[in-house]
């Protein structure tokens, strides 16, 4: 089994929708980024890539590549999951902490799990999502950014699944 840790932080700005965990969340500001700025998914991608012994999200999806401008992060996560499968891994579980003063995220976690779990090819119970505040401290505490920490556990794909995929 392999474990990886991911982290991401994006500034909040007016004039952009707020996407976290693949869900558009009503808020007066959104996360600044080359893609949709979904820091939750970006941290999760980094955790998955780290567990597989690969680089980070920027090495696969550079912000200098116009092909990724405005792309929805669930598409990036799907590409990483496929990449892991080809390397002989599958996701066992993942856990994410979102650090934000606002908005309240708990009511959106069920919708996030419905989007993320199928992409990761895991049960919703194998995906932990939590929200914390920064207690008013720093840029996050003043409502100027959102940060996310993620950990992911990969396991080798069982031989019967590998052999089954050879038949198709």
N, C-alpha and C. Protein backbone atom coordinates (compact mmCIF):
# COMPACT_ATOMS: atom_id res chain seq x y z
N UNK A 1 0.85 -1.18 0.00
CA UNK A 1 0.00 0.00 0.00
C UNK A 1 0.89 1.24 0.00
N UNK A 2 0.37 2.29 -0.56
CA UNK A 2 1.11 3.55 -0.68
C UNK A 2 0.24 4.68 -0.16
N UNK A 3 0.85 5.61 0.58
CA UNK A 3 0.11 6.75 1.12
C UNK A 3 0.70 8.04 0.58
N UNK A 4 -0.16 9.02 0.32
CA UNK A 4 0.29 10.31 -0.18
C UNK A 4 -0.43 11.44 0.52
N UNK A 5 0.25 12.58 0.60
CA UNK A 5 -0.27 13.79 1.24
C UNK A 5 -0.34 14.90 0.21
N UNK A 6 -1.44 15.62 0.20
CA UNK A 6 -1.60 16.74 -0.72
C UNK A 6 -2.05 17.99 -0.01
N UNK A 7 -1.73 19.14 -0.57
CA UNK A 7 -2.09 20.43 -0.02
C UNK A 7 -2.34 21.38 -1.17
N UNK A 8 -3.32 22.27 -1.00
CA UNK A 8 -3.53 23.33 -1.99
C UNK A 8 -4.18 24.52 -1.30
N UNK A 9 -3.91 25.68 -1.83
CA UNK A 9 -4.47 26.93 -1.33
C UNK A 9 -4.74 27.84 -2.52
N UNK A 10 -5.90 28.46 -2.53
CA UNK A 10 -6.23 29.45 -3.56
C UNK A 10 -6.85 30.67 -2.90
N UNK A 11 -6.56 31.82 -3.46
CA UNK A 11 -7.19 33.06 -3.00
C UNK A 11 -8.65 33.10 -3.44
N UNK A 12 -9.46 33.73 -2.62
CA UNK A 12 -10.86 33.99 -2.98
C UNK A 12 -10.95 35.35 -3.65
N UNK A 13 -11.67 35.42 -4.78
CA UNK A 13 -11.83 36.66 -5.51
C UNK A 13 -13.28 36.80 -5.96
N UNK A 14 -13.70 38.03 -6.14
CA UNK A 14 -15.04 38.29 -6.66
C UNK A 14 -15.07 37.97 -8.16
N UNK A 15 -16.25 37.62 -8.65
CA UNK A 15 -16.43 37.41 -10.08
C UNK A 15 -16.16 36.00 -10.57
N UNK A 16 -15.94 35.08 -9.65
CA UNK A 16 -15.74 33.67 -10.03
C UNK A 16 -16.65 32.80 -9.19
N UNK A 17 -17.17 31.71 -9.78
CA UNK A 17 -17.96 30.78 -8.97
C UNK A 17 -17.03 30.02 -8.02
N UNK A 18 -17.58 29.59 -6.88
CA UNK A 18 -16.81 28.81 -5.91
C UNK A 18 -17.09 27.32 -6.14
N UNK A 19 -16.05 26.60 -6.55
CA UNK A 19 -16.13 25.15 -6.72
C UNK A 19 -15.26 24.49 -5.67
N UNK A 20 -15.85 23.55 -4.95
CA UNK A 20 -15.12 22.70 -4.01
C UNK A 20 -15.67 21.28 -4.11
N UNK A 21 -14.79 20.32 -4.28
CA UNK A 21 -15.23 18.94 -4.39
C UNK A 21 -16.13 18.69 -5.58
N UNK A 22 -15.99 19.51 -6.61
CA UNK A 22 -16.80 19.36 -7.82
C UNK A 22 -18.17 19.99 -7.74
N UNK A 23 -18.48 20.62 -6.60
CA UNK A 23 -19.79 21.23 -6.38
C UNK A 23 -19.67 22.75 -6.45
N UNK A 24 -20.60 23.39 -7.14
CA UNK A 24 -20.64 24.85 -7.12
C UNK A 24 -21.39 25.27 -5.86
N UNK A 25 -20.73 26.06 -5.04
CA UNK A 25 -21.27 26.47 -3.75
C UNK A 25 -21.60 27.95 -3.79
N UNK A 26 -22.83 28.32 -3.43
CA UNK A 26 -23.19 29.73 -3.43
C UNK A 26 -22.31 30.52 -2.45
N UNK A 27 -21.66 31.55 -2.97
CA UNK A 27 -20.79 32.39 -2.15
C UNK A 27 -20.48 33.64 -2.97
N UNK A 28 -20.14 34.70 -2.33
CA UNK A 28 -19.85 35.94 -3.03
C UNK A 28 -18.52 35.96 -3.75
N UNK A 29 -17.67 34.96 -3.48
CA UNK A 29 -16.35 34.88 -4.11
C UNK A 29 -16.07 33.45 -4.55
N UNK A 30 -15.13 33.33 -5.49
CA UNK A 30 -14.69 32.02 -5.95
C UNK A 30 -13.18 31.93 -5.86
N UNK A 31 -12.66 30.74 -6.08
CA UNK A 31 -11.22 30.51 -5.96
C UNK A 31 -10.51 30.85 -7.26
N UNK A 32 -9.46 31.65 -7.13
CA UNK A 32 -8.67 32.08 -8.27
C UNK A 32 -7.77 30.93 -8.72
N UNK A 33 -7.75 30.68 -10.00
CA UNK A 33 -6.90 29.62 -10.53
C UNK A 33 -6.98 29.55 -12.03
N UNK A 34 -6.02 28.84 -12.63
CA UNK A 34 -6.00 28.65 -14.07
C UNK A 34 -7.17 27.76 -14.48
N UNK A 35 -7.45 26.75 -13.65
CA UNK A 35 -8.61 25.89 -13.86
C UNK A 35 -9.79 26.50 -13.12
N UNK A 36 -10.69 25.67 -12.61
CA UNK A 36 -11.80 26.20 -11.82
C UNK A 36 -11.39 26.55 -10.39
N UNK A 37 -10.12 26.25 -10.02
CA UNK A 37 -9.61 26.62 -8.71
C UNK A 37 -10.06 25.72 -7.57
N UNK A 38 -10.60 24.56 -7.87
CA UNK A 38 -11.15 23.66 -6.85
C UNK A 38 -10.02 23.10 -5.98
N UNK A 39 -9.69 23.80 -4.90
CA UNK A 39 -8.56 23.44 -4.04
C UNK A 39 -8.73 22.06 -3.41
N UNK A 40 -9.96 21.66 -3.14
CA UNK A 40 -10.20 20.34 -2.55
C UNK A 40 -9.72 19.24 -3.50
N UNK A 41 -10.15 19.31 -4.73
CA UNK A 41 -9.75 18.30 -5.71
C UNK A 41 -8.26 18.40 -6.01
N UNK A 42 -7.73 19.61 -6.04
CA UNK A 42 -6.30 19.77 -6.32
C UNK A 42 -5.45 19.12 -5.23
N UNK A 43 -5.83 19.31 -3.97
CA UNK A 43 -5.11 18.67 -2.87
C UNK A 43 -5.24 17.15 -2.97
N UNK A 44 -6.42 16.68 -3.32
CA UNK A 44 -6.65 15.24 -3.47
C UNK A 44 -5.80 14.67 -4.60
N UNK A 45 -5.72 15.37 -5.70
CA UNK A 45 -4.87 14.92 -6.82
C UNK A 45 -3.42 14.83 -6.38
N UNK A 46 -2.94 15.83 -5.65
CA UNK A 46 -1.55 15.79 -5.19
C UNK A 46 -1.32 14.62 -4.24
N UNK A 47 -2.30 14.31 -3.39
CA UNK A 47 -2.16 13.15 -2.49
C UNK A 47 -2.08 11.85 -3.30
N UNK A 48 -2.91 11.72 -4.31
CA UNK A 48 -2.91 10.52 -5.15
C UNK A 48 -1.61 10.39 -5.92
N UNK A 49 -1.15 11.48 -6.51
CA UNK A 49 0.11 11.44 -7.26
C UNK A 49 1.28 11.16 -6.34
N UNK A 50 1.26 11.73 -5.15
CA UNK A 50 2.32 11.48 -4.19
C UNK A 50 2.38 10.02 -3.79
N UNK A 51 1.22 9.42 -3.57
CA UNK A 51 1.17 8.01 -3.20
C UNK A 51 1.72 7.13 -4.31
N UNK A 52 1.53 7.55 -5.55
CA UNK A 52 2.02 6.78 -6.70
C UNK A 52 3.48 7.08 -7.03
N UNK A 53 4.08 7.98 -6.26
CA UNK A 53 5.48 8.33 -6.49
C UNK A 53 5.69 9.23 -7.70
N UNK A 54 4.66 9.99 -8.03
CA UNK A 54 4.75 10.90 -9.17
C UNK A 54 4.86 12.35 -8.69
N UNK A 55 4.84 13.28 -9.61
CA UNK A 55 4.97 14.68 -9.28
C UNK A 55 3.72 15.25 -8.66
N UNK A 56 3.45 16.51 -8.94
CA UNK A 56 2.26 17.15 -8.41
C UNK A 56 1.33 17.53 -9.56
N UNK A 57 0.22 18.15 -9.20
CA UNK A 57 -0.80 18.50 -10.20
C UNK A 57 -0.23 19.39 -11.30
N UNK A 58 0.68 20.30 -10.94
CA UNK A 58 1.27 21.21 -11.92
C UNK A 58 2.15 20.51 -12.94
N UNK A 59 2.73 19.37 -12.57
CA UNK A 59 3.56 18.65 -13.54
C UNK A 59 2.72 17.96 -14.60
N UNK A 60 1.50 17.57 -14.25
CA UNK A 60 0.61 16.92 -15.23
C UNK A 60 -0.26 17.92 -15.98
N UNK A 61 -0.71 18.94 -15.25
CA UNK A 61 -1.65 19.91 -15.80
C UNK A 61 -1.11 21.33 -15.57
N UNK A 62 -0.05 21.72 -16.28
CA UNK A 62 0.58 23.01 -16.00
C UNK A 62 -0.33 24.20 -16.29
N UNK A 63 -0.19 25.23 -15.45
CA UNK A 63 -1.02 26.42 -15.62
C UNK A 63 -0.56 27.27 -16.81
N UNK A 64 0.48 26.84 -17.49
CA UNK A 64 0.93 27.51 -18.70
C UNK A 64 0.29 26.92 -19.95
N UNK A 65 -0.44 25.82 -19.77
CA UNK A 65 -1.07 25.14 -20.91
C UNK A 65 -2.50 25.65 -21.07
N UNK A 66 -2.80 26.31 -22.19
CA UNK A 66 -4.15 26.85 -22.40
C UNK A 66 -5.24 25.76 -22.42
N UNK A 67 -4.87 24.52 -22.65
CA UNK A 67 -5.85 23.43 -22.68
C UNK A 67 -6.52 23.26 -21.31
N UNK A 68 -5.86 23.70 -20.24
CA UNK A 68 -6.41 23.52 -18.90
C UNK A 68 -7.05 24.79 -18.34
N UNK A 69 -7.07 25.87 -19.13
CA UNK A 69 -7.69 27.11 -18.66
C UNK A 69 -9.19 26.89 -18.47
N UNK A 70 -9.64 27.10 -17.24
CA UNK A 70 -11.06 26.98 -16.92
C UNK A 70 -11.58 25.56 -16.81
N UNK A 71 -10.72 24.56 -16.96
CA UNK A 71 -11.18 23.17 -16.92
C UNK A 71 -11.75 22.85 -15.54
N UNK A 72 -12.78 22.03 -15.53
CA UNK A 72 -13.37 21.58 -14.27
C UNK A 72 -12.47 20.53 -13.66
N UNK A 73 -12.19 20.66 -12.39
CA UNK A 73 -11.27 19.77 -11.70
C UNK A 73 -11.70 18.31 -11.63
N UNK A 74 -13.00 17.98 -11.61
CA UNK A 74 -13.35 16.56 -11.67
C UNK A 74 -12.78 15.86 -12.91
N UNK A 75 -12.63 16.59 -14.02
CA UNK A 75 -12.03 16.01 -15.23
C UNK A 75 -10.57 15.67 -14.98
N UNK A 76 -9.87 16.54 -14.25
CA UNK A 76 -8.46 16.28 -13.93
C UNK A 76 -8.35 15.07 -13.00
N UNK A 77 -9.24 15.00 -12.01
CA UNK A 77 -9.24 13.87 -11.08
C UNK A 77 -9.51 12.56 -11.81
N UNK A 78 -10.42 12.59 -12.77
CA UNK A 78 -10.72 11.38 -13.55
C UNK A 78 -9.48 10.93 -14.32
N UNK A 79 -8.76 11.87 -14.91
CA UNK A 79 -7.54 11.54 -15.66
C UNK A 79 -6.49 10.93 -14.73
N UNK A 80 -6.38 11.44 -13.52
CA UNK A 80 -5.40 10.90 -12.56
C UNK A 80 -5.81 9.50 -12.11
N UNK A 81 -7.09 9.28 -11.87
CA UNK A 81 -7.57 7.95 -11.47
C UNK A 81 -7.26 6.92 -12.56
N UNK A 82 -7.49 7.28 -13.80
CA UNK A 82 -7.18 6.40 -14.92
C UNK A 82 -5.68 6.13 -14.99
N UNK A 83 -4.89 7.16 -14.78
CA UNK A 83 -3.42 7.03 -14.77
C UNK A 83 -2.98 6.04 -13.69
N UNK A 84 -3.57 6.15 -12.51
CA UNK A 84 -3.23 5.25 -11.41
C UNK A 84 -3.59 3.81 -11.75
N UNK A 85 -4.77 3.62 -12.35
CA UNK A 85 -5.20 2.28 -12.75
C UNK A 85 -4.18 1.66 -13.70
N UNK A 86 -3.71 2.45 -14.65
CA UNK A 86 -2.73 1.95 -15.62
C UNK A 86 -1.41 1.59 -14.95
N UNK A 87 -1.10 2.23 -13.82
CA UNK A 87 0.12 1.92 -13.07
C UNK A 87 -0.09 0.75 -12.11
N UNK A 88 -1.31 0.20 -12.08
CA UNK A 88 -1.57 -0.95 -11.24
C UNK A 88 -2.07 -0.62 -9.84
N UNK A 89 -2.59 0.60 -9.64
CA UNK A 89 -3.11 1.01 -8.34
C UNK A 89 -4.59 1.32 -8.41
N UNK A 90 -5.24 1.21 -7.27
CA UNK A 90 -6.58 1.72 -7.11
C UNK A 90 -6.64 2.43 -5.76
N UNK A 91 -7.57 3.34 -5.63
CA UNK A 91 -7.73 4.12 -4.40
C UNK A 91 -8.41 3.24 -3.36
N UNK A 92 -7.81 3.16 -2.17
CA UNK A 92 -8.42 2.44 -1.06
C UNK A 92 -9.31 3.39 -0.26
N UNK A 93 -8.78 4.55 0.07
CA UNK A 93 -9.57 5.58 0.74
C UNK A 93 -8.84 6.91 0.66
N UNK A 94 -9.56 7.96 0.99
CA UNK A 94 -9.00 9.31 1.00
C UNK A 94 -9.70 10.12 2.09
N UNK A 95 -8.99 11.12 2.58
CA UNK A 95 -9.52 11.98 3.63
C UNK A 95 -9.07 13.40 3.33
N UNK A 96 -9.99 14.36 3.43
CA UNK A 96 -9.70 15.75 3.08
C UNK A 96 -10.19 16.68 4.19
N UNK A 97 -9.37 17.68 4.50
CA UNK A 97 -9.76 18.75 5.41
C UNK A 97 -9.73 20.05 4.62
N UNK A 98 -10.84 20.78 4.66
CA UNK A 98 -10.93 22.08 4.02
C UNK A 98 -10.86 23.13 5.13
N UNK A 99 -9.97 24.12 4.95
CA UNK A 99 -9.82 25.19 5.93
C UNK A 99 -10.36 26.47 5.31
N UNK A 100 -11.50 26.94 5.84
CA UNK A 100 -12.17 28.13 5.30
C UNK A 100 -13.01 28.78 6.41
N UNK A 101 -13.07 30.09 6.40
CA UNK A 101 -13.93 30.79 7.35
C UNK A 101 -15.39 30.73 6.90
N UNK A 102 -15.59 30.80 5.60
CA UNK A 102 -16.94 30.78 5.02
C UNK A 102 -16.80 30.31 3.59
N UNK A 103 -17.82 29.75 3.02
CA UNK A 103 -19.13 29.44 3.59
C UNK A 103 -19.10 28.16 4.42
N UNK A 104 -20.22 27.86 5.04
CA UNK A 104 -20.37 26.59 5.75
C UNK A 104 -20.36 25.47 4.72
N UNK A 105 -19.51 24.48 4.89
CA UNK A 105 -19.34 23.44 3.88
C UNK A 105 -20.03 22.13 4.20
N UNK A 106 -20.28 21.86 5.47
CA UNK A 106 -20.91 20.61 5.86
C UNK A 106 -22.14 20.24 5.05
N UNK A 107 -23.04 21.19 4.79
CA UNK A 107 -24.23 20.84 4.01
C UNK A 107 -23.94 20.39 2.56
N UNK A 108 -22.72 20.61 2.09
CA UNK A 108 -22.37 20.27 0.70
C UNK A 108 -21.58 18.97 0.59
N UNK A 109 -21.19 18.39 1.72
CA UNK A 109 -20.34 17.21 1.68
C UNK A 109 -21.01 16.01 1.01
N UNK A 110 -22.28 15.80 1.23
CA UNK A 110 -22.97 14.67 0.59
C UNK A 110 -22.92 14.79 -0.93
N UNK A 111 -23.15 16.00 -1.45
CA UNK A 111 -23.10 16.21 -2.90
C UNK A 111 -21.68 16.00 -3.43
N UNK A 112 -20.68 16.44 -2.66
CA UNK A 112 -19.28 16.24 -3.07
C UNK A 112 -18.96 14.75 -3.15
N UNK A 113 -19.40 14.00 -2.16
CA UNK A 113 -19.13 12.55 -2.16
C UNK A 113 -19.79 11.87 -3.36
N UNK A 114 -20.97 12.32 -3.74
CA UNK A 114 -21.67 11.73 -4.89
C UNK A 114 -20.91 11.98 -6.20
N UNK A 115 -20.17 13.07 -6.25
CA UNK A 115 -19.36 13.37 -7.43
C UNK A 115 -18.01 12.65 -7.37
N UNK A 116 -17.34 12.75 -6.22
CA UNK A 116 -15.96 12.28 -6.12
C UNK A 116 -15.81 10.76 -5.99
N UNK A 117 -16.67 10.12 -5.20
CA UNK A 117 -16.52 8.68 -4.97
C UNK A 117 -16.56 7.87 -6.28
N UNK A 118 -17.51 8.13 -7.19
CA UNK A 118 -17.50 7.36 -8.44
C UNK A 118 -16.24 7.61 -9.28
N UNK A 119 -15.73 8.82 -9.28
CA UNK A 119 -14.50 9.10 -10.03
C UNK A 119 -13.33 8.33 -9.43
N UNK A 120 -13.27 8.31 -8.10
CA UNK A 120 -12.19 7.59 -7.41
C UNK A 120 -12.42 6.08 -7.41
N UNK A 121 -13.61 5.65 -7.81
CA UNK A 121 -14.01 4.24 -7.82
C UNK A 121 -13.96 3.64 -6.42
N UNK A 122 -14.51 4.40 -5.46
CA UNK A 122 -14.60 3.94 -4.07
C UNK A 122 -16.01 4.18 -3.56
N UNK A 123 -16.35 3.54 -2.45
CA UNK A 123 -17.62 3.80 -1.79
C UNK A 123 -17.54 5.18 -1.13
N UNK A 124 -18.67 5.82 -0.98
CA UNK A 124 -18.70 7.13 -0.32
C UNK A 124 -18.15 7.06 1.10
N UNK A 125 -18.31 5.92 1.76
CA UNK A 125 -17.80 5.77 3.13
C UNK A 125 -16.28 5.72 3.18
N UNK A 126 -15.62 5.54 2.04
CA UNK A 126 -14.15 5.52 1.98
C UNK A 126 -13.57 6.90 1.70
N UNK A 127 -14.43 7.91 1.71
CA UNK A 127 -14.00 9.29 1.47
C UNK A 127 -14.41 10.15 2.65
N UNK A 128 -13.44 10.66 3.38
CA UNK A 128 -13.71 11.55 4.50
C UNK A 128 -13.60 13.00 4.08
N UNK A 129 -14.56 13.81 4.48
CA UNK A 129 -14.55 15.24 4.21
C UNK A 129 -14.84 15.98 5.50
N UNK A 130 -13.99 16.97 5.81
CA UNK A 130 -14.16 17.76 7.02
C UNK A 130 -13.87 19.22 6.70
N UNK A 131 -14.48 20.10 7.49
CA UNK A 131 -14.23 21.54 7.36
C UNK A 131 -13.78 22.09 8.70
N UNK A 132 -12.81 22.98 8.63
CA UNK A 132 -12.30 23.68 9.81
C UNK A 132 -12.18 25.16 9.46
N UNK A 133 -12.18 25.98 10.49
CA UNK A 133 -11.88 27.40 10.27
C UNK A 133 -10.44 27.64 10.67
N UNK A 134 -9.96 28.83 10.37
CA UNK A 134 -8.61 29.22 10.77
C UNK A 134 -8.67 30.17 11.97
N UNK A 135 -9.83 30.15 12.65
CA UNK A 135 -10.03 30.94 13.87
C UNK A 135 -9.71 32.43 13.67
N UNK A 136 -10.01 32.92 12.47
CA UNK A 136 -9.82 34.33 12.18
C UNK A 136 -8.38 34.74 11.93
N UNK A 137 -7.47 33.79 11.86
CA UNK A 137 -6.05 34.10 11.70
C UNK A 137 -5.60 34.04 10.24
N UNK A 138 -4.72 34.96 9.87
CA UNK A 138 -4.12 34.97 8.54
C UNK A 138 -5.09 35.24 7.42
N UNK A 139 -4.60 35.03 6.19
CA UNK A 139 -5.40 35.28 4.99
C UNK A 139 -6.65 34.41 4.97
N UNK A 140 -6.51 33.15 5.38
CA UNK A 140 -7.68 32.26 5.41
C UNK A 140 -8.68 32.77 6.44
N UNK A 141 -8.20 33.11 7.61
CA UNK A 141 -9.06 33.57 8.69
C UNK A 141 -9.79 34.86 8.38
N UNK A 142 -9.22 35.66 7.50
CA UNK A 142 -9.85 36.92 7.10
C UNK A 142 -10.76 36.74 5.89
N UNK A 143 -10.95 35.48 5.46
CA UNK A 143 -11.84 35.20 4.34
C UNK A 143 -11.23 35.45 2.98
N UNK A 144 -9.90 35.50 2.90
CA UNK A 144 -9.24 35.79 1.63
C UNK A 144 -8.75 34.58 0.87
N UNK A 145 -8.85 33.39 1.46
CA UNK A 145 -8.36 32.18 0.80
C UNK A 145 -9.00 30.95 1.43
N UNK A 146 -8.87 29.84 0.72
CA UNK A 146 -9.29 28.53 1.22
C UNK A 146 -8.13 27.58 0.99
N UNK A 147 -7.82 26.78 2.01
CA UNK A 147 -6.76 25.78 1.91
C UNK A 147 -7.35 24.39 2.13
N UNK A 148 -6.70 23.40 1.58
CA UNK A 148 -7.15 22.01 1.74
C UNK A 148 -5.95 21.11 1.93
N UNK A 149 -6.12 20.14 2.82
CA UNK A 149 -5.15 19.08 3.07
C UNK A 149 -5.83 17.77 2.70
N UNK A 150 -5.10 16.87 2.07
CA UNK A 150 -5.68 15.58 1.69
C UNK A 150 -4.65 14.48 1.90
N UNK A 151 -5.14 13.32 2.25
CA UNK A 151 -4.32 12.12 2.33
C UNK A 151 -5.06 11.02 1.57
N UNK A 152 -4.29 10.21 0.85
CA UNK A 152 -4.90 9.14 0.06
C UNK A 152 -4.08 7.87 0.22
N UNK A 153 -4.77 6.76 0.26
CA UNK A 153 -4.13 5.45 0.36
C UNK A 153 -4.43 4.68 -0.92
N UNK A 154 -3.36 4.22 -1.57
CA UNK A 154 -3.49 3.41 -2.78
C UNK A 154 -3.13 1.97 -2.44
N UNK A 155 -3.79 1.05 -3.13
CA UNK A 155 -3.45 -0.36 -2.99
C UNK A 155 -3.26 -0.94 -4.38
N UNK A 156 -2.50 -2.02 -4.48
CA UNK A 156 -2.33 -2.64 -5.79
C UNK A 156 -3.67 -3.15 -6.31
N UNK A 157 -3.86 -3.03 -7.59
CA UNK A 157 -5.07 -3.58 -8.21
C UNK A 157 -5.00 -5.10 -8.12
N UNK A 158 -6.06 -5.75 -7.61
CA UNK A 158 -6.04 -7.22 -7.51
C UNK A 158 -5.80 -7.86 -8.87
N UNK A 159 -5.06 -8.95 -8.88
CA UNK A 159 -4.69 -9.64 -10.12
C UNK A 159 -5.91 -10.03 -10.94
N UNK A 160 -7.00 -10.43 -10.28
CA UNK A 160 -8.19 -10.84 -11.04
C UNK A 160 -8.76 -9.67 -11.84
N UNK A 161 -8.64 -8.43 -11.33
CA UNK A 161 -9.11 -7.27 -12.07
C UNK A 161 -8.20 -6.97 -13.26
N UNK A 162 -6.90 -7.12 -13.04
CA UNK A 162 -5.93 -6.89 -14.13
C UNK A 162 -6.18 -7.91 -15.24
N UNK A 163 -6.32 -9.19 -14.88
CA UNK A 163 -6.57 -10.23 -15.87
C UNK A 163 -7.91 -10.01 -16.57
N UNK A 164 -8.92 -9.59 -15.82
CA UNK A 164 -10.22 -9.32 -16.42
C UNK A 164 -10.18 -8.21 -17.43
N UNK A 165 -9.35 -7.19 -17.20
CA UNK A 165 -9.27 -6.08 -18.13
C UNK A 165 -8.54 -6.47 -19.41
N UNK A 166 -7.72 -7.52 -19.36
CA UNK A 166 -7.02 -7.99 -20.56
C UNK A 166 -7.96 -8.67 -21.54
N UNK A 167 -9.08 -9.18 -21.02
CA UNK A 167 -10.04 -9.89 -21.87
C UNK A 167 -10.86 -8.95 -22.73
N UNK A 168 -10.96 -7.68 -22.34
CA UNK A 168 -11.80 -6.74 -23.09
C UNK A 168 -11.00 -5.94 -24.08
